[in-house]
N, C-alpha and C. Protein backbone atom coordinates (compact mmCIF):
# COMPACT_ATOMS: atom_id res chain seq x y z
N MET A 1 42.26 53.29 -7.91
CA MET A 1 40.89 52.94 -7.64
C MET A 1 40.83 51.44 -7.35
N PRO A 2 40.14 51.06 -6.29
CA PRO A 2 40.08 49.64 -5.93
C PRO A 2 39.28 48.85 -6.96
N ASN A 3 39.62 47.60 -7.09
CA ASN A 3 38.97 46.71 -8.04
C ASN A 3 37.89 45.92 -7.30
N PHE A 4 36.62 46.44 -7.34
CA PHE A 4 35.50 45.78 -6.66
C PHE A 4 34.79 44.86 -7.64
N PRO A 5 34.18 43.82 -7.16
CA PRO A 5 33.40 42.94 -8.04
C PRO A 5 32.24 43.69 -8.67
N GLN A 6 31.86 43.31 -9.88
CA GLN A 6 30.79 43.96 -10.63
C GLN A 6 29.45 43.88 -9.91
N GLU A 7 29.21 42.83 -9.13
CA GLU A 7 27.94 42.67 -8.43
C GLU A 7 27.70 43.83 -7.45
N ASP A 8 28.75 44.45 -6.98
CA ASP A 8 28.61 45.54 -6.03
C ASP A 8 28.04 46.80 -6.68
N TYR A 9 28.06 46.86 -8.02
CA TYR A 9 27.60 48.04 -8.74
C TYR A 9 26.60 47.63 -9.82
N PRO A 10 25.37 47.33 -9.46
CA PRO A 10 24.41 46.83 -10.43
C PRO A 10 23.99 47.85 -11.49
N ASN A 11 24.10 49.13 -11.23
CA ASN A 11 23.68 50.15 -12.20
C ASN A 11 24.82 50.62 -13.10
N SER A 12 25.97 50.06 -12.97
CA SER A 12 27.09 50.52 -13.79
C SER A 12 26.95 49.99 -15.22
N ILE A 13 27.55 50.70 -16.13
CA ILE A 13 27.51 50.33 -17.55
C ILE A 13 28.64 49.35 -17.81
N THR A 14 28.29 48.25 -18.45
CA THR A 14 29.32 47.27 -18.79
C THR A 14 29.53 47.27 -20.29
N ALA A 15 30.70 46.94 -20.70
CA ALA A 15 31.03 46.88 -22.11
C ALA A 15 30.31 45.69 -22.75
N PRO A 16 29.86 45.83 -23.98
CA PRO A 16 29.20 44.70 -24.64
C PRO A 16 30.19 43.56 -24.85
N LYS A 17 29.66 42.35 -24.81
CA LYS A 17 30.50 41.16 -24.98
C LYS A 17 30.94 40.99 -26.43
N THR A 18 30.11 41.45 -27.38
CA THR A 18 30.46 41.32 -28.79
C THR A 18 30.32 42.66 -29.49
N ASP A 19 30.92 42.76 -30.64
CA ASP A 19 30.79 43.96 -31.48
C ASP A 19 29.52 43.82 -32.30
N LEU A 20 28.46 44.51 -31.88
CA LEU A 20 27.16 44.36 -32.53
C LEU A 20 27.16 44.75 -34.00
N LEU A 21 27.86 45.81 -34.36
CA LEU A 21 27.89 46.22 -35.76
C LEU A 21 28.49 45.13 -36.66
N LYS A 22 29.55 44.51 -36.20
CA LYS A 22 30.17 43.46 -37.02
C LYS A 22 29.27 42.24 -37.15
N SER A 23 28.54 41.93 -36.09
CA SER A 23 27.71 40.73 -36.16
C SER A 23 26.33 40.99 -36.78
N LEU A 24 25.73 42.15 -36.53
CA LEU A 24 24.38 42.41 -37.02
C LEU A 24 24.33 43.21 -38.32
N ALA A 25 25.34 44.02 -38.58
CA ALA A 25 25.36 44.85 -39.78
C ALA A 25 26.77 44.91 -40.37
N PRO A 26 27.24 43.78 -40.91
CA PRO A 26 28.62 43.75 -41.41
C PRO A 26 28.86 44.67 -42.60
N ALA A 27 27.80 45.06 -43.32
CA ALA A 27 27.99 45.94 -44.48
C ALA A 27 28.16 47.41 -44.10
N LEU A 28 27.99 47.74 -42.81
CA LEU A 28 28.15 49.12 -42.38
C LEU A 28 29.62 49.44 -42.16
N ASN A 29 30.30 49.65 -43.27
CA ASN A 29 31.69 50.09 -43.20
C ASN A 29 31.82 51.30 -44.12
N HIS A 30 32.92 51.98 -44.02
CA HIS A 30 33.09 53.24 -44.74
C HIS A 30 32.89 53.08 -46.25
N LEU A 31 33.48 52.06 -46.84
CA LEU A 31 33.41 51.89 -48.28
C LEU A 31 31.99 51.58 -48.75
N SER A 32 31.30 50.68 -48.06
CA SER A 32 29.95 50.33 -48.50
C SER A 32 28.97 51.49 -48.29
N ILE A 33 29.14 52.25 -47.24
CA ILE A 33 28.28 53.42 -47.01
C ILE A 33 28.54 54.47 -48.09
N LYS A 34 29.80 54.64 -48.47
CA LYS A 34 30.14 55.60 -49.52
C LYS A 34 29.52 55.19 -50.86
N LYS A 35 29.56 53.89 -51.17
CA LYS A 35 28.95 53.39 -52.41
C LYS A 35 27.43 53.58 -52.39
N ALA A 36 26.81 53.31 -51.26
CA ALA A 36 25.36 53.49 -51.14
C ALA A 36 24.99 54.96 -51.31
N ALA A 37 25.77 55.84 -50.72
CA ALA A 37 25.50 57.28 -50.84
C ALA A 37 25.64 57.72 -52.29
N LEU A 38 26.63 57.20 -53.01
CA LEU A 38 26.81 57.52 -54.43
C LEU A 38 25.58 57.11 -55.22
N THR A 39 25.04 55.95 -54.92
CA THR A 39 23.86 55.46 -55.63
C THR A 39 22.65 56.33 -55.34
N PHE A 40 22.42 56.67 -54.08
CA PHE A 40 21.27 57.52 -53.74
C PHE A 40 21.42 58.92 -54.31
N ARG A 41 22.64 59.46 -54.29
CA ARG A 41 22.85 60.79 -54.89
C ARG A 41 22.57 60.75 -56.39
N ALA A 42 22.92 59.64 -57.02
CA ALA A 42 22.72 59.52 -58.47
C ALA A 42 21.25 59.57 -58.84
N ILE A 43 20.41 58.95 -58.06
CA ILE A 43 18.98 58.94 -58.41
C ILE A 43 18.23 60.13 -57.80
N ASN A 44 18.88 60.88 -56.93
CA ASN A 44 18.24 62.01 -56.27
C ASN A 44 18.52 63.31 -57.02
N HIS A 45 18.24 63.32 -58.30
CA HIS A 45 18.42 64.52 -59.11
C HIS A 45 17.31 64.52 -60.16
N PRO A 46 16.57 65.61 -60.29
CA PRO A 46 15.43 65.63 -61.22
C PRO A 46 15.80 65.30 -62.67
N LEU A 47 16.92 65.81 -63.14
CA LEU A 47 17.33 65.54 -64.52
C LEU A 47 17.65 64.06 -64.72
N ARG A 48 18.36 63.47 -63.75
CA ARG A 48 18.70 62.05 -63.87
C ARG A 48 17.45 61.18 -63.72
N GLN A 49 16.49 61.62 -62.91
CA GLN A 49 15.22 60.89 -62.82
C GLN A 49 14.49 60.93 -64.16
N ASP A 50 14.53 62.07 -64.83
CA ASP A 50 13.93 62.17 -66.16
C ASP A 50 14.66 61.28 -67.15
N MET A 51 15.97 61.21 -67.04
CA MET A 51 16.76 60.33 -67.92
C MET A 51 16.36 58.87 -67.71
N ILE A 52 16.21 58.49 -66.46
CA ILE A 52 15.82 57.11 -66.14
C ILE A 52 14.46 56.80 -66.74
N LYS A 53 13.52 57.75 -66.63
CA LYS A 53 12.18 57.55 -67.20
C LYS A 53 12.24 57.43 -68.73
N LEU A 54 13.07 58.25 -69.36
CA LEU A 54 13.21 58.19 -70.82
C LEU A 54 13.81 56.86 -71.26
N ILE A 55 14.87 56.44 -70.57
CA ILE A 55 15.49 55.15 -70.91
C ILE A 55 14.48 54.03 -70.72
N ASP A 56 13.71 54.11 -69.65
CA ASP A 56 12.69 53.08 -69.38
C ASP A 56 11.65 53.05 -70.49
N SER A 57 11.22 54.21 -70.96
CA SER A 57 10.16 54.25 -71.98
C SER A 57 10.65 53.75 -73.34
N LYS A 58 11.95 53.92 -73.62
CA LYS A 58 12.48 53.51 -74.92
C LYS A 58 13.18 52.15 -74.89
N GLY A 59 13.52 51.66 -73.71
CA GLY A 59 14.23 50.39 -73.60
C GLY A 59 15.74 50.56 -73.58
N HIS A 60 16.27 51.31 -74.53
CA HIS A 60 17.68 51.66 -74.54
C HIS A 60 17.87 52.92 -75.37
N VAL A 61 18.89 53.70 -75.05
CA VAL A 61 19.14 54.96 -75.74
C VAL A 61 20.64 55.17 -75.90
N THR A 62 20.99 56.05 -76.83
CA THR A 62 22.35 56.53 -76.95
C THR A 62 22.43 57.89 -76.28
N VAL A 63 23.62 58.40 -76.12
CA VAL A 63 23.79 59.74 -75.56
C VAL A 63 23.09 60.75 -76.48
N THR A 64 23.20 60.54 -77.78
CA THR A 64 22.55 61.43 -78.73
C THR A 64 21.04 61.44 -78.53
N ASP A 65 20.45 60.27 -78.35
CA ASP A 65 19.01 60.20 -78.08
C ASP A 65 18.64 61.05 -76.86
N LEU A 66 19.46 60.92 -75.82
CA LEU A 66 19.17 61.65 -74.59
C LEU A 66 19.22 63.16 -74.78
N PHE A 67 20.30 63.66 -75.37
CA PHE A 67 20.41 65.11 -75.44
C PHE A 67 19.46 65.71 -76.46
N VAL A 68 19.09 64.96 -77.50
CA VAL A 68 18.11 65.46 -78.46
C VAL A 68 16.72 65.48 -77.84
N GLU A 69 16.32 64.35 -77.25
CA GLU A 69 14.97 64.24 -76.66
C GLU A 69 14.77 65.19 -75.48
N MET A 70 15.82 65.36 -74.67
CA MET A 70 15.69 66.16 -73.46
C MET A 70 16.11 67.62 -73.67
N ARG A 71 16.57 67.93 -74.89
CA ARG A 71 17.02 69.28 -75.24
C ARG A 71 18.10 69.77 -74.28
N LEU A 72 19.16 68.96 -74.20
CA LEU A 72 20.30 69.28 -73.34
C LEU A 72 21.55 69.48 -74.19
N GLU A 73 22.54 70.07 -73.61
CA GLU A 73 23.86 70.08 -74.22
C GLU A 73 24.41 68.66 -74.16
N GLN A 74 25.18 68.28 -75.15
CA GLN A 74 25.73 66.93 -75.19
C GLN A 74 26.59 66.65 -73.96
N SER A 75 27.37 67.62 -73.54
CA SER A 75 28.24 67.42 -72.38
C SER A 75 27.44 67.21 -71.09
N VAL A 76 26.32 67.91 -70.96
CA VAL A 76 25.48 67.76 -69.77
C VAL A 76 24.87 66.37 -69.74
N ALA A 77 24.36 65.92 -70.88
CA ALA A 77 23.78 64.56 -70.96
C ALA A 77 24.85 63.52 -70.64
N SER A 78 26.04 63.68 -71.17
CA SER A 78 27.12 62.72 -70.93
C SER A 78 27.53 62.69 -69.47
N GLN A 79 27.63 63.86 -68.84
CA GLN A 79 28.02 63.90 -67.43
C GLN A 79 26.99 63.21 -66.54
N HIS A 80 25.73 63.49 -66.77
CA HIS A 80 24.69 62.87 -65.94
C HIS A 80 24.58 61.37 -66.21
N LEU A 81 24.77 60.98 -67.46
CA LEU A 81 24.75 59.56 -67.80
C LEU A 81 25.93 58.84 -67.14
N ALA A 82 27.07 59.49 -67.07
CA ALA A 82 28.25 58.90 -66.42
C ALA A 82 27.98 58.67 -64.93
N ILE A 83 27.29 59.59 -64.30
CA ILE A 83 26.94 59.43 -62.88
C ILE A 83 26.03 58.23 -62.70
N LEU A 84 25.03 58.09 -63.57
CA LEU A 84 24.13 56.93 -63.49
C LEU A 84 24.88 55.63 -63.77
N ARG A 85 25.83 55.67 -64.69
CA ARG A 85 26.62 54.48 -65.02
C ARG A 85 27.51 54.08 -63.85
N ARG A 86 28.20 55.04 -63.24
CA ARG A 86 29.07 54.73 -62.09
C ARG A 86 28.27 54.17 -60.92
N ALA A 87 27.04 54.62 -60.76
CA ALA A 87 26.19 54.14 -59.67
C ALA A 87 25.57 52.78 -60.00
N GLY A 88 25.73 52.33 -61.24
CA GLY A 88 25.18 51.04 -61.63
C GLY A 88 23.71 51.08 -61.99
N ILE A 89 23.16 52.26 -62.18
CA ILE A 89 21.74 52.40 -62.53
C ILE A 89 21.51 52.07 -64.00
N VAL A 90 22.46 52.44 -64.85
CA VAL A 90 22.38 52.09 -66.27
C VAL A 90 23.60 51.26 -66.65
N LYS A 91 23.41 50.45 -67.69
CA LYS A 91 24.49 49.61 -68.20
C LYS A 91 24.73 49.94 -69.67
N PRO A 92 25.99 50.12 -70.05
CA PRO A 92 26.29 50.36 -71.47
C PRO A 92 26.37 49.05 -72.25
N GLU A 93 25.92 49.08 -73.50
CA GLU A 93 26.07 47.93 -74.40
C GLU A 93 26.52 48.46 -75.74
N ARG A 94 27.65 47.95 -76.21
CA ARG A 94 28.19 48.40 -77.49
C ARG A 94 27.58 47.59 -78.63
N ASP A 95 27.20 48.32 -79.68
CA ASP A 95 26.70 47.69 -80.90
C ASP A 95 27.36 48.41 -82.06
N GLY A 96 28.47 47.86 -82.52
CA GLY A 96 29.25 48.53 -83.56
C GLY A 96 29.84 49.81 -83.01
N LYS A 97 29.56 50.92 -83.69
CA LYS A 97 30.11 52.19 -83.22
C LYS A 97 29.19 52.89 -82.22
N PHE A 98 28.03 52.31 -81.93
CA PHE A 98 27.08 52.91 -81.00
C PHE A 98 27.17 52.27 -79.62
N VAL A 99 26.98 53.11 -78.60
CA VAL A 99 26.88 52.60 -77.23
C VAL A 99 25.46 52.92 -76.76
N TYR A 100 24.73 51.85 -76.45
CA TYR A 100 23.37 52.00 -75.97
C TYR A 100 23.36 51.84 -74.45
N TYR A 101 22.54 52.62 -73.80
CA TYR A 101 22.40 52.55 -72.36
C TYR A 101 21.02 52.03 -72.02
N LYS A 102 20.98 51.03 -71.15
CA LYS A 102 19.70 50.51 -70.69
C LYS A 102 19.72 50.42 -69.18
N LEU A 103 18.56 50.35 -68.59
CA LEU A 103 18.45 50.31 -67.14
C LEU A 103 18.96 48.98 -66.60
N ASN A 104 19.63 49.05 -65.47
CA ASN A 104 20.06 47.86 -64.75
C ASN A 104 18.90 47.49 -63.83
N VAL A 105 18.01 46.66 -64.34
CA VAL A 105 16.76 46.34 -63.65
C VAL A 105 17.03 45.72 -62.28
N GLU A 106 18.03 44.86 -62.19
CA GLU A 106 18.32 44.21 -60.91
C GLU A 106 18.69 45.23 -59.84
N LYS A 107 19.51 46.19 -60.21
CA LYS A 107 19.92 47.24 -59.27
C LYS A 107 18.72 48.09 -58.85
N ILE A 108 17.88 48.43 -59.80
CA ILE A 108 16.71 49.25 -59.49
C ILE A 108 15.74 48.50 -58.59
N GLN A 109 15.59 47.19 -58.81
CA GLN A 109 14.74 46.39 -57.93
C GLN A 109 15.29 46.35 -56.51
N LEU A 110 16.62 46.22 -56.38
CA LEU A 110 17.24 46.23 -55.06
C LEU A 110 17.03 47.57 -54.37
N LEU A 111 17.20 48.65 -55.11
CA LEU A 111 16.98 49.99 -54.54
C LEU A 111 15.54 50.16 -54.11
N ASN A 112 14.62 49.70 -54.94
CA ASN A 112 13.20 49.81 -54.60
C ASN A 112 12.89 49.05 -53.31
N GLN A 113 13.44 47.85 -53.18
CA GLN A 113 13.20 47.05 -51.98
C GLN A 113 13.82 47.72 -50.74
N LEU A 114 15.02 48.25 -50.91
CA LEU A 114 15.70 48.93 -49.80
C LEU A 114 14.91 50.14 -49.34
N ILE A 115 14.45 50.94 -50.29
CA ILE A 115 13.67 52.14 -49.95
C ILE A 115 12.36 51.74 -49.28
N THR A 116 11.71 50.72 -49.81
CA THR A 116 10.47 50.24 -49.21
C THR A 116 10.69 49.79 -47.77
N ASP A 117 11.78 49.04 -47.55
CA ASP A 117 12.10 48.57 -46.20
C ASP A 117 12.43 49.73 -45.25
N LEU A 118 13.12 50.75 -45.76
CA LEU A 118 13.47 51.88 -44.92
C LEU A 118 12.25 52.71 -44.52
N LEU A 119 11.28 52.77 -45.40
CA LEU A 119 10.09 53.59 -45.15
C LEU A 119 9.05 52.88 -44.28
N ASN A 120 9.17 51.59 -44.13
CA ASN A 120 8.21 50.84 -43.31
C ASN A 120 8.68 50.70 -41.89
């Protein structure tokens, strides 16, 4: 195929001069998207939303508090709490032999702002 100057073909598609994703959205990579999805999946469950509300109302709770108050099996409460912990929604704090879980307010504020921005 002959190599004609670009001016001869004004309607042809040209390659972008820069990689727009790297310059405009550097956080859009596989690992960061996977982490964001983990966080949204963690809060997108009715039981975990109830756990978040309970922790918020009490300030901090133990696993025992959760399964007694919510009438759950201990293993179910622990599994859902682990999901919230891995997503950074709750933070553990050790006090002697007890581990208390409280909300990670900074993370929740960031999520709230992100959701607000996405919906507008």
